[in-house]
Amino acid sequence: MPAKSSAQQKAAGAALSAKRGEIKKSELKGASKSMEKSMSEKQLDELASTKRKGKPEHAS
């Protein structure tokens, strides 16, 4: 499932980093915190690897 906005893509990237242990889970906030808890590493990887070109900053 591709990200709908660049903000969603960035949040997924942060959650993926925490899930892999690259950053502390306590550093997450907002959407990335809930994404880390509720999504698998594969799902996060799919969202985070979405191309940002042509995506709005925030989905309406």
C-alpha atoms as a PDB file:
ATOM      1  CA  MET A   1       0.000   0.000   0.000  1.00  0.00           C
ATOM      2  CA  PRO A   2       1.677   3.257  -1.056  1.00  0.00           C
ATOM      3  CA  ALA A   3       1.731   6.339   1.171  1.00  0.00           C
ATOM      4  CA  LYS A   4      -0.876   8.979   0.350  1.00  0.00           C
ATOM      5  CA  SER A   5       1.258  11.921   1.490  1.00  0.00           C
ATOM      6  CA  SER A   6       4.867  12.700   2.210  1.00  0.00           C
ATOM      7  CA  ALA A   7       4.017  13.184   5.907  1.00  0.00           C
ATOM      8  CA  GLN A   8       2.658   9.620   6.050  1.00  0.00           C
ATOM      9  CA  GLN A   9       5.779   8.340   4.294  1.00  0.00           C
ATOM     10  CA  LYS A  10       8.066  10.149   6.770  1.00  0.00           C
ATOM     11  CA  ALA A  11       6.109   8.839   9.780  1.00  0.00           C
ATOM     12  CA  ALA A  12       6.365   5.289   8.437  1.00  0.00           C
ATOM     13  CA  GLY A  13      10.118   5.733   8.004  1.00  0.00           C
ATOM     14  CA  ALA A  14      10.507   6.849  11.615  1.00  0.00           C
ATOM     15  CA  ALA A  15       8.367   3.948  12.866  1.00  0.00           C
ATOM     16  CA  LEU A  16      10.390   1.500  10.764  1.00  0.00           C
ATOM     17  CA  SER A  17      13.650   2.815  12.230  1.00  0.00           C
ATOM     18  CA  ALA A  18      12.302   2.294  15.752  1.00  0.00           C
ATOM     19  CA  LYS A  19      11.040  -1.203  14.942  1.00  0.00           C
ATOM     20  CA  ARG A  20      14.510  -2.121  13.622  1.00  0.00           C
ATOM     21  CA  GLY A  21      16.159  -0.673  16.740  1.00  0.00           C
ATOM     22  CA  GLU A  22      17.929   2.161  14.915  1.00  0.00           C
ATOM     23  CA  ILE A  23      16.244   4.787  17.109  1.00  0.00           C
ATOM     24  CA  LYS A  24      14.580   4.537  20.525  1.00  0.00           C
ATOM     25  CA  LYS A  25      10.835   3.889  20.577  1.00  0.00           C
ATOM     26  CA  SER A  26      10.543   6.629  23.209  1.00  0.00           C
ATOM     27  CA  GLU A  27      11.635   9.184  20.574  1.00  0.00           C
ATOM     28  CA  LEU A  28       8.502   8.517  18.486  1.00  0.00           C
ATOM     29  CA  LYS A  29       5.399  10.672  18.779  1.00  0.00           C
ATOM     30  CA  GLY A  30       2.078  11.043  17.029  1.00  0.00           C
ATOM     31  CA  ALA A  31       1.344   8.903  13.990  1.00  0.00           C
ATOM     32  CA  SER A  32       4.748   7.214  13.920  1.00  0.00           C
ATOM     33  CA  LYS A  33       4.230   5.951  17.483  1.00  0.00           C
ATOM     34  CA  SER A  34       0.917   4.291  16.672  1.00  0.00           C
ATOM     35  CA  MET A  35       2.238   2.978  13.334  1.00  0.00           C
ATOM     36  CA  GLU A  36       5.147   1.281  15.104  1.00  0.00           C
ATOM     37  CA  LYS A  37       2.770  -0.513  17.468  1.00  0.00           C
ATOM     38  CA  SER A  38       0.122  -1.561  14.960  1.00  0.00           C
ATOM     39  CA  MET A  39       1.994  -2.348  11.725  1.00  0.00           C
ATOM     40  CA  SER A  40       4.460  -5.042  10.734  1.00  0.00           C
ATOM     41  CA  GLU A  41       7.960  -4.261   9.521  1.00  0.00           C
ATOM     42  CA  LYS A  42       6.941  -5.296   6.000  1.00  0.00           C
ATOM     43  CA  GLN A  43       3.942  -2.927   5.975  1.00  0.00           C
ATOM     44  CA  LEU A  44       6.074  -0.060   7.269  1.00  0.00           C
ATOM     45  CA  ASP A  45       8.737  -0.777   4.671  1.00  0.00           C
ATOM     46  CA  GLU A  46       6.134  -0.585   1.883  1.00  0.00           C
ATOM     47  CA  LEU A  47       4.862   2.790   3.136  1.00  0.00           C
ATOM     48  CA  ALA A  48       8.316   4.219   3.777  1.00  0.00           C
ATOM     49  CA  SER A  49       9.663   3.224   0.354  1.00  0.00           C
ATOM     50  CA  THR A  50       6.944   5.142  -1.525  1.00  0.00           C
ATOM     51  CA  LYS A  51       8.296   7.812  -3.875  1.00  0.00           C
ATOM     52  CA  ARG A  52       7.635  11.312  -2.536  1.00  0.00           C
ATOM     53  CA  LYS A  53       7.602  13.091  -5.878  1.00  0.00           C
ATOM     54  CA  GLY A  54       4.135  14.433  -6.669  1.00  0.00           C
ATOM     55  CA  LYS A  55       2.728  13.649  -3.210  1.00  0.00           C
ATOM     56  CA  PRO A  56       1.099  16.408  -1.168  1.00  0.00           C
ATOM     57  CA  GLU A  57       2.702  17.200   2.211  1.00  0.00           C
ATOM     58  CA  HIS A  58      -0.543  16.225   3.969  1.00  0.00           C
ATOM     59  CA  ALA A  59      -3.494  14.241   2.621  1.00  0.00           C
ATOM     60  CA  SER A  60      -6.827  16.007   2.894  1.00  0.00           C
END
